[in-house]
Amino acid sequence: MGRLSRIESIYVHNATLEHRKQYAQFFTPPEIAQLMADWLLGNDKMETVLEPAFGLGVFSRALLSAKSNLSIKGFDIDEMILNEAKKHFDGCSSVKLMLQDYMFNDWNNKYDGIICNPPYFKFHDYDNKSVISEIERKLTCKLNGFTNLYTLFLLKSIHQLKNNGRCAYIVPSEFMNSDYGKLVKSHLIKTKTLRHIIVFDFDEKVFDDAITTACIILCAKDEYNETVQFTNVTSSDGLDIIGELINNYPNTCEKSKKYRIDDLDYEIKWKNYYQNSNDLKFNGLVPFSKYAKVVRGIATGANEFFTFNISKAKEYNIPSCNLLPCICRCADVKGYEFSKEDFDALKKQDKKVFLLNAVPDNNPNVMQYLEMGKSMGIDKKYLTASRNPWYALEKRPPSPIWVSVFNRKGLRFIRNKANISNLTTFHCVYPQKDLFSDISIDLLFAYLLTDTARIIFEKNAREYGNGLQKFEPNDLNKGMMVDLVKISSEHKSEIVSYYEKFVKTNDNSWIGKIDEILLMEFAC
């Protein structure tokens, strides 16, 4: 998986990485492009095709190799790649290439087939206000301001399908399991155009230089609008499954999970439809928010400017009263707890473990450093421009527990024994204070170290490439856990005792004993 055709390979070799990142150019492997083209070709009356993010035309090449009389229109905003594409379609009068932004053009035209690998831009990487306003006005819908651009491409394309038309998109699968994706999923259900979602295994990337996990979305504007199929493809050897799905349409496939479209719930993470849930084997689960509140760490908007080590503080003569102790990198925290001694060791290694706390700003050296920041345009960045003053830190008291944002081996919780702040590399976990009479922080943290906690939380993870998981604060707040109050007093004491022995010995077998108690109390 991930092999490119010769045309795309030459372009990747000649174009700089910066240029490709600027235009979010991640190329579709030819075998995937051919399968997506086959979906469109299943409409034997197809005459007109739209490729909204044309690139080098890998989809159009696949389509024309099977049906040479198609009329194709392609859009792209990168003049460099479009000029390269024109060389390969020279003399092909049926292919019309437009150096225009698809999102603001061509709204009145409809097509028999639409096929696309749209640009992957997060909300702050494009003019999201203008694009979202355009979509909302044209489609009379309401969208989340954090919506990624690729889903907006998809919504516009569905709008442009002719009757009996088909649409094939390859996109990151994160929209299915994110808050901004709810309204997109709602639109797919409302229009009854969704037919298949094919999710690629998380240990294998579809794009060589993209970390996001891909999925193929197949839509159709036809009469077979009652059933949606979800299919997992675990390796490149499983691509035959996709071909089987396409060739059997409108019949369903035994290897897929099938749902009535009206039964799909856009409010939940759609991984529930294509992954087996682990938390079903536990009784009496409650939201994690019953026991703790999770919020993200401090976002500076310009870490390089706001973070300090000892040598940088000396260079600019910043006094200690204007330096807030803070963990800035996940890699600087090695174990399951972080102590004052750990912090002092990082200081001695001259690691960046301070944040500039410039309020009050009456120190002349601090004021001079802030003026330097203004000359660099730091005050005009996305986050700093919205703050007053621009250099003020977000108010985040140190949390007693941290949890890592990205994980490959399950959630990682850390006891913050040093009582210092943290950047967004960790989320802050604040235990609910009114529960301390019944539930100690030792009991809560002991639970968070167990495989039981990890397995249950995994249901709410966002999945990326190479087994990478991400948890946003609300993924954890809305995640489930066992109800610690219901644990017998005897078992509570045992859990805390085992946790204390784990702290002394660092022997994971003590955590295993806690798991045994949890299974005894909560397993179905």
Protein backbone atom coordinates (compact mmCIF):
# COMPACT_ATOMS: atom_id res chain seq x y z
CA MET A 1 0.00 0.00 0.00
CA GLY A 2 1.25 3.52 -0.69
CA ARG A 3 3.02 2.87 -4.03
CA LEU A 4 2.56 5.80 -6.43
CA SER A 5 2.33 5.76 -10.20
CA ARG A 6 5.30 7.00 -12.22
CA ILE A 7 3.68 10.40 -12.91
CA GLU A 8 3.08 11.11 -9.21
CA SER A 9 6.48 9.73 -8.22
CA ILE A 10 8.30 12.09 -10.59
CA TYR A 11 6.29 15.04 -9.26
CA VAL A 12 7.05 14.12 -5.64
CA HIS A 13 10.74 13.93 -6.52
CA ASN A 14 10.75 17.35 -8.24
CA ALA A 15 8.38 19.36 -6.02
CA THR A 16 9.59 20.46 -2.60
CA LEU A 17 8.00 19.01 0.50
CA GLU A 18 7.09 22.56 1.58
CA HIS A 19 5.16 23.11 -1.65
CA ARG A 20 3.27 19.84 -1.31
CA LYS A 21 2.43 20.59 2.32
CA GLN A 22 1.26 24.09 1.39
CA TYR A 23 -1.36 22.57 -0.91
CA ALA A 24 -1.93 19.40 1.17
CA GLN A 25 -0.89 17.18 -1.73
CA PHE A 26 -1.02 13.51 -0.71
CA PHE A 27 -1.34 11.25 -3.72
CA THR A 28 -3.63 8.26 -4.05
CA PRO A 29 -2.00 4.90 -4.88
CA PRO A 30 -3.12 3.73 -8.36
CA GLU A 31 -4.73 0.53 -7.09
CA ILE A 32 -6.97 2.56 -4.75
CA ALA A 33 -7.72 5.08 -7.52
CA GLN A 34 -8.77 2.26 -9.84
CA LEU A 35 -11.18 0.79 -7.27
CA MET A 36 -12.77 4.20 -6.70
CA ALA A 37 -13.03 4.69 -10.46
CA ASP A 38 -14.72 1.28 -10.72
CA TRP A 39 -17.45 2.53 -8.37
CA LEU A 40 -18.24 5.37 -10.75
CA LEU A 41 -18.02 3.10 -13.79
CA GLY A 42 -20.73 0.96 -12.22
CA ASN A 43 -23.09 3.62 -13.55
CA ASP A 44 -23.06 2.50 -17.19
CA LYS A 45 -24.87 5.68 -18.23
CA MET A 46 -22.12 7.94 -16.85
CA GLU A 47 -21.13 10.72 -19.24
CA THR A 48 -19.95 13.64 -17.10
CA VAL A 49 -17.33 13.48 -14.34
CA LEU A 50 -16.04 16.02 -11.84
CA GLU A 51 -12.65 15.76 -10.13
CA PRO A 52 -12.71 18.61 -7.54
CA ALA A 53 -9.05 18.33 -6.44
CA PHE A 54 -7.46 17.29 -9.70
CA GLY A 55 -3.78 17.16 -8.84
CA LEU A 56 -2.19 15.06 -11.59
CA GLY A 57 -5.47 13.39 -12.52
CA VAL A 58 -4.89 9.85 -11.20
CA PHE A 59 -8.64 9.23 -11.07
CA SER A 60 -9.30 10.65 -14.51
CA ARG A 61 -6.55 8.49 -15.98
CA ALA A 62 -8.17 5.41 -14.43
CA LEU A 63 -11.61 6.40 -15.73
CA LEU A 64 -10.49 7.21 -19.26
CA SER A 65 -8.58 3.95 -19.56
CA ALA A 66 -11.94 2.17 -19.19
CA LYS A 67 -14.24 4.68 -20.89
CA SER A 68 -12.58 7.11 -23.27
CA ASN A 69 -15.64 9.18 -24.19
CA LEU A 70 -16.17 10.74 -20.75
CA SER A 71 -16.44 14.51 -20.34
CA ILE A 72 -14.27 15.42 -17.31
CA LYS A 73 -13.88 18.72 -15.47
CA GLY A 74 -11.09 19.17 -12.93
CA PHE A 75 -10.34 21.93 -10.39
CA ASP A 76 -7.13 22.79 -8.57
CA ILE A 77 -5.69 25.93 -6.95
CA ASP A 78 -2.03 25.01 -7.49
CA GLU A 79 -0.89 26.35 -10.85
CA MET A 80 2.32 24.33 -10.71
CA ILE A 81 0.63 20.93 -10.45
CA LEU A 82 -2.11 21.86 -12.90
CA ASN A 83 0.46 22.83 -15.53
CA GLU A 84 2.13 19.47 -15.00
CA ALA A 85 -1.22 17.70 -15.33
CA LYS A 86 -1.97 19.46 -18.61
CA LYS A 87 1.11 17.82 -20.13
CA HIS A 88 -0.37 14.39 -19.48
CA PHE A 89 -3.82 15.31 -20.84
CA ASP A 90 -2.54 17.27 -23.84
CA GLY A 91 -4.74 16.57 -26.82
CA CYS A 92 -7.55 15.16 -24.68
CA SER A 93 -10.28 17.68 -25.48
CA SER A 94 -12.79 15.97 -23.19
CA VAL A 95 -10.78 16.97 -20.09
CA LYS A 96 -11.27 20.58 -18.98
CA LEU A 97 -8.93 21.83 -16.24
CA MET A 98 -9.78 24.90 -14.14
CA LEU A 99 -7.30 26.90 -12.04
CA GLN A 100 -10.01 27.80 -9.53
CA ASP A 101 -11.07 27.08 -5.98
CA TYR A 102 -13.69 24.36 -6.21
CA MET A 103 -15.41 25.52 -3.02
CA PHE A 104 -16.46 28.84 -4.59
CA ASN A 105 -17.16 27.73 -8.15
CA ASP A 106 -19.32 25.45 -10.30
CA TRP A 107 -22.25 25.25 -7.87
CA ASN A 108 -24.89 25.14 -10.59
CA ASN A 109 -23.48 22.14 -12.49
CA LYS A 110 -24.32 18.53 -11.68
CA TYR A 111 -22.45 15.38 -12.69
CA ASP A 112 -22.95 11.66 -13.21
CA GLY A 113 -19.75 10.88 -11.34
CA ILE A 114 -17.61 12.76 -8.81
CA ILE A 115 -14.32 11.38 -7.55
CA CYS A 116 -11.81 13.01 -5.23
CA ASN A 117 -8.89 12.91 -2.81
CA PRO A 118 -9.57 16.35 -1.25
CA PRO A 119 -6.97 18.51 0.52
CA TYR A 120 -6.60 17.75 4.21
CA PHE A 121 -6.65 21.14 5.93
CA LYS A 122 -7.62 21.69 9.57
CA PHE A 123 -9.84 24.67 10.38
CA HIS A 124 -6.92 27.04 11.06
CA ASP A 125 -5.08 26.09 7.83
CA TYR A 126 -7.62 27.63 5.43
CA ASP A 127 -10.11 30.51 5.27
CA ASN A 128 -12.67 28.44 7.14
CA LYS A 129 -15.07 31.29 7.86
CA SER A 130 -15.55 32.09 4.17
CA VAL A 131 -15.77 28.47 3.04
CA ILE A 132 -18.14 27.42 5.83
CA SER A 133 -20.31 30.47 5.16
CA GLU A 134 -20.46 29.50 1.47
CA ILE A 135 -21.47 25.90 2.28
CA GLU A 136 -24.05 26.93 4.87
CA ARG A 137 -25.62 29.43 2.49
CA LYS A 138 -25.76 27.04 -0.46
CA LEU A 139 -26.87 23.93 1.44
CA THR A 140 -28.94 25.66 4.16
CA CYS A 141 -27.17 23.77 6.92
CA LYS A 142 -25.21 24.70 10.05
CA LEU A 143 -21.59 23.59 10.45
CA ASN A 144 -19.03 23.47 13.23
CA GLY A 145 -16.35 26.18 12.92
CA PHE A 146 -13.64 23.53 13.49
CA THR A 147 -14.69 21.55 10.42
CA ASN A 148 -11.83 20.23 8.27
CA LEU A 149 -11.87 21.25 4.63
CA TYR A 150 -12.05 17.73 3.18
CA THR A 151 -15.54 17.17 4.58
CA LEU A 152 -16.77 20.41 3.01
CA PHE A 153 -15.55 19.16 -0.36
CA LEU A 154 -17.63 16.02 0.21
CA LEU A 155 -20.80 17.94 1.13
CA LYS A 156 -20.55 20.11 -1.98
CA SER A 157 -19.95 17.08 -4.21
CA ILE A 158 -23.02 15.26 -2.88
CA HIS A 159 -25.04 18.37 -3.73
CA GLN A 160 -23.71 18.21 -7.31
CA LEU A 161 -24.68 14.61 -8.02
CA LYS A 162 -27.22 13.98 -10.77
CA ASN A 163 -29.95 11.40 -10.28
CA ASN A 164 -28.34 7.94 -10.44
CA GLY A 165 -24.95 9.62 -10.06
CA ARG A 166 -22.14 8.18 -7.95
CA CYS A 167 -19.47 9.76 -5.79
CA ALA A 168 -16.20 8.28 -4.44
CA TYR A 169 -14.01 10.08 -1.88
CA ILE A 170 -10.90 9.00 -0.03
CA VAL A 171 -10.49 10.99 3.19
CA PRO A 172 -9.09 10.70 6.74
CA SER A 173 -11.49 8.70 8.89
CA GLU A 174 -11.28 11.10 11.85
CA PHE A 175 -14.49 12.95 10.89
CA MET A 176 -16.46 9.83 11.86
CA ASN A 177 -15.20 10.08 15.43
CA SER A 178 -14.88 13.83 16.02
CA ASP A 179 -17.25 16.54 17.21
CA TYR A 180 -17.03 18.55 13.99
CA GLY A 181 -18.00 15.44 12.02
CA LYS A 182 -21.45 15.15 13.61
CA LEU A 183 -23.08 17.62 11.23
CA VAL A 184 -21.33 16.02 8.25
CA LYS A 185 -22.61 12.59 9.27
CA SER A 186 -26.06 14.08 9.79
CA HIS A 187 -26.03 15.39 6.22
CA LEU A 188 -24.98 11.99 4.83
CA ILE A 189 -27.92 10.40 6.63
CA LYS A 190 -30.37 13.14 5.67
CA THR A 191 -29.53 12.98 1.95
CA LYS A 192 -29.59 9.15 2.01
CA THR A 193 -26.65 9.07 -0.39
CA LEU A 194 -24.20 7.08 1.76
CA ARG A 195 -23.70 3.48 0.58
CA HIS A 196 -20.30 2.25 1.81
CA ILE A 197 -17.57 3.36 4.21
CA ILE A 198 -14.38 1.32 3.84
CA VAL A 199 -11.92 1.87 6.69
CA PHE A 200 -8.26 0.92 6.29
CA ASP A 201 -6.48 -0.86 9.11
CA PHE A 202 -4.74 1.52 11.48
CA ASP A 203 -1.38 -0.23 11.26
CA GLU A 204 -1.07 0.46 7.55
CA LYS A 205 -0.98 3.89 5.89
CA VAL A 206 -2.60 4.52 2.54
CA PHE A 207 -0.41 7.59 1.97
CA ASP A 208 3.34 7.32 2.44
CA ASP A 209 3.77 10.72 4.12
CA ALA A 210 0.42 11.18 5.85
CA ILE A 211 -0.23 9.94 9.37
CA THR A 212 -3.98 9.95 9.14
CA THR A 213 -5.90 6.77 8.63
CA ALA A 214 -7.85 6.77 5.40
CA CYS A 215 -11.32 5.63 4.55
CA ILE A 216 -13.16 5.43 1.23
CA ILE A 217 -16.66 6.88 1.13
CA LEU A 218 -18.90 5.63 -1.67
CA CYS A 219 -22.13 7.53 -2.27
CA ALA A 220 -24.93 7.21 -4.80
CA LYS A 221 -28.08 9.14 -5.62
CA ASP A 222 -30.21 6.14 -6.56
CA GLU A 223 -33.11 4.08 -5.25
CA TYR A 224 -30.98 1.71 -3.15
CA ASN A 225 -30.90 4.07 -0.20
CA GLU A 226 -31.92 1.91 2.75
CA THR A 227 -28.65 0.18 3.70
CA VAL A 228 -25.16 1.41 4.61
CA GLN A 229 -22.20 -0.98 4.83
CA PHE A 230 -19.05 -0.53 6.92
CA THR A 231 -16.00 -2.59 5.96
CA ASN A 232 -12.54 -2.94 7.52
CA VAL A 233 -9.61 -3.61 5.19
CA THR A 234 -6.71 -4.90 7.26
CA SER A 235 -3.97 -4.95 4.61
CA SER A 236 -3.26 -4.33 0.94
CA ASP A 237 -4.03 -8.00 0.40
CA GLY A 238 -7.62 -7.23 1.33
CA LEU A 239 -8.28 -4.81 -1.52
CA ASP A 240 -10.23 -7.57 -3.25
CA ILE A 241 -12.92 -6.98 -0.63
CA ILE A 242 -13.48 -3.49 -2.03
CA GLY A 243 -13.78 -4.86 -5.55
CA GLU A 244 -16.28 -7.42 -4.30
CA LEU A 245 -18.35 -4.70 -2.61
CA ILE A 246 -18.44 -2.63 -5.78
CA ASN A 247 -19.19 -5.52 -8.13
CA ASN A 248 -22.01 -6.85 -5.92
CA TYR A 249 -23.79 -3.51 -5.51
CA PRO A 250 -26.66 -3.10 -4.70
CA ASN A 251 -26.42 -6.49 -2.97
CA THR A 252 -24.66 -6.50 0.40
CA CYS A 253 -21.41 -8.27 1.25
CA GLU A 254 -20.96 -10.89 3.99
CA LYS A 255 -17.67 -9.31 5.06
CA SER A 256 -19.31 -5.96 5.86
CA LYS A 257 -21.34 -4.74 8.80
CA LYS A 258 -24.75 -3.60 7.56
CA TYR A 259 -27.09 -0.97 9.02
CA ARG A 260 -30.30 0.71 7.98
CA ILE A 261 -29.38 4.28 7.15
CA ASP A 262 -32.22 5.55 9.34
CA ASP A 263 -30.72 3.66 12.30
CA LEU A 264 -27.35 5.44 12.11
CA ASP A 265 -26.78 7.92 14.92
CA TYR A 266 -24.69 10.92 13.90
CA GLU A 267 -24.20 11.90 17.56
CA ILE A 268 -22.02 8.89 18.39
CA LYS A 269 -18.56 7.92 17.17
CA TRP A 270 -19.04 5.78 14.08
CA LYS A 271 -16.18 3.51 15.09
CA ASN A 272 -18.98 1.78 17.02
CA TYR A 273 -20.30 0.62 13.64
CA TYR A 274 -17.08 -0.90 12.32
CA GLN A 275 -15.04 -1.87 15.39
CA ASN A 276 -15.82 -4.38 18.10
CA SER A 277 -16.47 -2.62 21.39
CA ASN A 278 -14.43 -3.72 24.39
CA ASP A 279 -16.46 -2.12 27.15
CA LEU A 280 -19.45 -4.43 26.64
CA LYS A 281 -17.95 -6.96 29.03
CA PHE A 282 -18.19 -4.59 32.01
CA ASN A 283 -21.28 -3.78 34.09
CA GLY A 284 -22.27 -0.54 35.75
CA LEU A 285 -20.14 1.91 33.75
CA VAL A 286 -20.42 5.66 34.37
CA PRO A 287 -19.01 8.72 32.51
CA PHE A 288 -15.47 9.65 33.50
CA SER A 289 -16.80 13.16 34.18
CA LYS A 290 -18.44 11.76 37.34
CA TYR A 291 -14.96 11.48 38.86
CA ALA A 292 -12.84 14.03 37.03
CA LYS A 293 -12.88 16.86 34.52
CA VAL A 294 -10.39 16.86 31.63
CA VAL A 295 -9.29 20.08 29.93
CA ARG A 296 -6.44 20.67 27.52
CA GLY A 297 -3.11 22.02 28.67
CA ILE A 298 -1.91 25.60 28.20
CA ALA A 299 -1.84 26.72 24.56
CA THR A 300 0.61 29.57 24.01
CA GLY A 301 0.16 30.05 20.26
CA ALA A 302 3.95 30.40 19.90
CA ASN A 303 5.83 27.87 22.00
CA GLU A 304 9.26 28.82 20.72
CA PHE A 305 8.74 32.37 21.98
CA PHE A 306 7.03 31.63 25.29
CA THR A 307 9.10 28.62 26.47
CA PHE A 308 12.38 29.07 28.34
CA ASN A 309 15.25 27.06 29.69
CA ILE A 310 17.78 28.37 32.20
CA SER A 311 20.24 29.56 29.56
CA LYS A 312 17.56 31.45 27.60
CA ALA A 313 16.33 33.11 30.81
CA LYS A 314 19.89 34.27 31.53
CA GLU A 315 20.37 35.48 27.94
CA TYR A 316 17.36 37.80 28.19
CA ASN A 317 17.71 38.49 31.95
CA ILE A 318 14.18 37.31 32.69
CA PRO A 319 13.62 37.15 36.49
CA SER A 320 12.36 33.92 38.07
CA CYS A 321 9.12 35.61 39.17
CA ASN A 322 8.19 35.85 35.46
CA LEU A 323 8.90 32.20 34.73
CA LEU A 324 6.19 29.61 35.32
CA PRO A 325 7.43 26.02 35.87
CA CYS A 326 5.90 23.92 33.12
CA ILE A 327 6.29 20.62 31.25
CA CYS A 328 6.61 21.51 27.58
CA ARG A 329 7.37 18.12 25.97
CA CYS A 330 5.77 14.73 26.54
CA ALA A 331 9.18 13.06 26.09
CA ASP A 332 10.48 14.83 29.22
CA VAL A 333 8.16 12.77 31.42
CA LYS A 334 9.39 9.18 31.60
CA GLY A 335 7.42 7.34 34.26
CA TYR A 336 3.92 7.16 35.71
CA GLU A 337 4.63 10.06 38.09
CA PHE A 338 6.57 13.31 37.85
CA SER A 339 8.28 14.62 40.98
CA LYS A 340 10.03 17.82 42.04
CA GLU A 341 13.30 15.91 41.69
CA ASP A 342 12.40 15.07 38.08
CA PHE A 343 11.74 18.75 37.40
CA ASP A 344 15.06 19.81 38.99
CA ALA A 345 16.88 17.25 36.83
CA LEU A 346 15.35 18.73 33.66
CA LYS A 347 16.42 22.21 34.76
CA LYS A 348 20.00 21.02 35.22
CA GLN A 349 19.88 19.50 31.71
CA ASP A 350 18.86 22.96 30.44
CA LYS A 351 15.53 21.64 29.11
CA LYS A 352 12.75 24.07 28.36
CA VAL A 353 10.68 23.82 31.53
CA PHE A 354 9.43 27.38 31.98
CA LEU A 355 6.78 29.59 30.43
CA LEU A 356 7.06 33.35 30.19
CA ASN A 357 4.54 34.75 32.65
CA ALA A 358 4.74 38.41 31.67
CA VAL A 359 1.86 39.70 33.81
CA PRO A 360 2.66 42.01 35.47
CA ASP A 361 4.91 43.37 32.72
CA ASN A 362 6.69 46.04 34.78
CA ASN A 363 10.14 44.48 34.54
CA PRO A 364 12.22 46.30 31.87
CA ASN A 365 13.85 43.10 30.62
CA VAL A 366 10.46 41.42 30.23
CA MET A 367 9.11 44.48 28.42
CA GLN A 368 12.10 44.45 26.07
CA TYR A 369 11.53 40.76 25.30
CA LEU A 370 7.85 41.44 24.57
CA GLU A 371 8.80 44.25 22.18
CA MET A 372 11.06 41.80 20.38
CA GLY A 373 8.11 39.44 20.12
CA LYS A 374 5.97 42.16 18.55
CA SER A 375 8.69 42.87 16.00
CA MET A 376 8.54 39.16 15.10
CA GLY A 377 4.76 39.29 14.69
CA ILE A 378 4.12 36.98 17.66
CA ASP A 379 1.24 39.22 18.79
CA LYS A 380 -0.54 38.68 15.45
CA LYS A 381 -0.62 34.88 15.55
CA TYR A 382 -3.89 32.94 15.65
CA LEU A 383 -4.12 32.52 19.44
CA THR A 384 -2.16 35.53 20.63
CA ALA A 385 -4.24 37.95 18.55
CA SER A 386 -7.37 36.88 20.45
CA ARG A 387 -5.88 37.50 23.91
CA ASN A 388 -5.77 40.74 25.87
CA PRO A 389 -2.96 41.36 26.44
CA TRP A 390 -1.57 39.13 23.72
CA TYR A 391 1.13 37.69 25.99
CA ALA A 392 -1.20 36.69 28.84
CA LEU A 393 -1.12 32.99 29.70
CA GLU A 394 -4.27 30.92 29.84
CA LYS A 395 -5.45 30.36 33.39
CA ARG A 396 -4.77 26.70 34.16
CA PRO A 397 -3.93 25.74 37.73
CA PRO A 398 -1.58 22.76 37.92
CA SER A 399 -3.59 19.53 37.75
CA PRO A 400 -2.75 16.57 39.99
CA ILE A 401 -2.99 14.16 37.03
CA TRP A 402 -1.87 14.49 33.41
CA VAL A 403 -2.92 12.36 30.50
CA SER A 404 -1.08 12.17 27.18
CA VAL A 405 -2.86 13.41 24.04
CA PHE A 406 -1.35 10.97 21.52
CA ASN A 407 -0.77 7.32 22.34
CA ARG A 408 0.34 4.13 20.61
CA LYS A 409 0.08 1.78 23.60
CA GLY A 410 -3.07 3.09 25.27
CA LEU A 411 -3.70 6.07 27.49
CA ARG A 412 -0.83 7.24 29.66
CA PHE A 413 -1.73 8.88 32.99
CA ILE A 414 0.90 10.63 35.14
CA ARG A 415 0.71 11.83 38.76
CA ASN A 416 1.93 15.42 38.84
CA LYS A 417 3.72 15.28 42.20
CA ALA A 418 5.77 18.35 41.24
CA ASN A 419 2.57 20.44 41.07
CA ILE A 420 3.64 22.31 37.92
CA SER A 421 1.79 23.40 34.79
CA ASN A 422 1.78 21.70 31.39
CA LEU A 423 1.44 22.63 27.73
CA THR A 424 -0.98 20.89 25.34
CA THR A 425 1.31 17.87 25.09
CA PHE A 426 -0.78 16.64 28.07
CA HIS A 427 -4.39 17.20 29.07
CA CYS A 428 -5.12 18.28 32.65
CA VAL A 429 -7.17 15.91 34.81
CA TYR A 430 -8.91 17.59 37.78
CA PRO A 431 -10.60 15.10 40.15
CA GLN A 432 -14.07 16.12 41.34
CA LYS A 433 -13.52 17.50 44.83
CA ASP A 434 -16.92 16.55 46.21
CA LEU A 435 -16.02 12.88 45.78
CA PHE A 436 -12.93 12.94 47.95
CA SER A 437 -14.90 11.87 51.02
CA ASP A 438 -15.56 8.52 49.28
CA ILE A 439 -12.92 8.24 46.55
CA SER A 440 -9.27 9.08 47.19
CA ILE A 441 -7.03 10.33 44.41
CA ASP A 442 -4.89 7.22 45.02
CA LEU A 443 -7.86 5.00 44.26
CA LEU A 444 -8.74 6.97 41.13
CA PHE A 445 -5.16 7.01 39.85
CA ALA A 446 -4.68 3.32 40.62
CA TYR A 447 -7.72 2.59 38.45
CA LEU A 448 -6.38 4.78 35.62
CA LEU A 449 -3.20 2.70 35.46
CA THR A 450 -5.08 -0.55 34.75
CA ASP A 451 -5.75 -2.38 31.50
CA THR A 452 -9.44 -2.23 32.44
CA ALA A 453 -9.41 1.57 32.23
CA ARG A 454 -7.44 1.53 28.96
CA ILE A 455 -9.75 -0.99 27.29
CA ILE A 456 -12.91 0.91 28.22
CA PHE A 457 -11.49 4.30 27.20
CA GLU A 458 -10.37 2.99 23.79
CA LYS A 459 -13.94 3.15 22.53
CA ASN A 460 -13.67 6.95 22.46
CA ALA A 461 -10.23 7.20 20.85
CA ARG A 462 -9.64 8.92 17.52
CA GLU A 463 -7.62 6.64 15.27
CA TYR A 464 -4.66 7.72 13.13
CA GLY A 465 -2.03 5.89 11.11
CA ASN A 466 0.41 3.32 12.49
CA GLY A 467 -1.79 2.55 15.52
CA LEU A 468 -1.69 6.14 16.77
CA GLN A 469 -4.60 7.15 19.00
CA LYS A 470 -5.65 10.64 20.03
CA PHE A 471 -7.97 11.70 22.83
CA GLU A 472 -9.47 15.18 22.98
CA PRO A 473 -10.66 16.33 26.44
CA ASN A 474 -14.31 15.58 25.69
CA ASP A 475 -13.40 12.12 24.39
CA LEU A 476 -12.29 11.41 27.95
CA ASN A 477 -15.01 13.38 29.75
CA LYS A 478 -17.64 11.44 27.81
CA GLY A 479 -15.69 8.21 28.02
CA MET A 480 -16.81 5.49 30.40
CA MET A 481 -15.24 3.92 33.48
CA VAL A 482 -16.22 1.54 36.25
CA ASP A 483 -18.15 3.15 39.10
CA LEU A 484 -15.56 3.26 41.88
CA VAL A 485 -18.18 4.03 44.52
CA LYS A 486 -19.65 0.56 44.01
CA ILE A 487 -16.41 -1.20 44.85
CA SER A 488 -16.62 -2.90 48.24
CA SER A 489 -14.73 -1.23 51.11
CA GLU A 490 -12.49 -4.26 51.41
CA HIS A 491 -11.55 -4.15 47.73
CA LYS A 492 -10.98 -0.37 47.84
CA SER A 493 -8.43 -0.88 50.61
CA GLU A 494 -6.77 -3.68 48.66
CA ILE A 495 -6.52 -1.55 45.51
CA VAL A 496 -4.87 1.32 47.39
CA SER A 497 -2.53 -1.14 49.09
CA TYR A 498 -1.54 -2.69 45.76
CA TYR A 499 -1.02 0.78 44.30
CA GLU A 500 1.32 1.72 47.18
CA LYS A 501 3.30 -1.48 46.60
CA PHE A 502 3.52 -0.64 42.89
CA VAL A 503 4.89 2.81 43.74
CA LYS A 504 7.58 1.26 45.95
CA THR A 505 8.60 -1.57 43.62
CA ASN A 506 7.58 -0.41 40.12
CA ASP A 507 6.40 -4.00 39.65
CA ASN A 508 3.47 -4.09 37.18
CA SER A 509 2.16 -7.32 38.71
CA TRP A 510 0.56 -5.18 41.44
CA ILE A 511 -1.46 -3.34 38.77
CA GLY A 512 -2.43 -6.75 37.44
CA LYS A 513 -3.88 -7.58 40.87
CA ILE A 514 -5.96 -4.40 40.70
CA ASP A 515 -7.27 -5.55 37.32
CA GLU A 516 -8.27 -8.87 38.91
CA ILE A 517 -10.34 -7.03 41.52
CA LEU A 518 -12.03 -4.88 38.87
CA LEU A 519 -12.92 -7.93 36.80
CA MET A 520 -14.30 -9.59 39.93
CA GLU A 521 -16.46 -6.55 40.70
CA PHE A 522 -17.57 -5.46 37.21
CA ALA A 523 -17.09 -8.19 34.60
CA CYS A 524 -20.29 -9.44 32.98
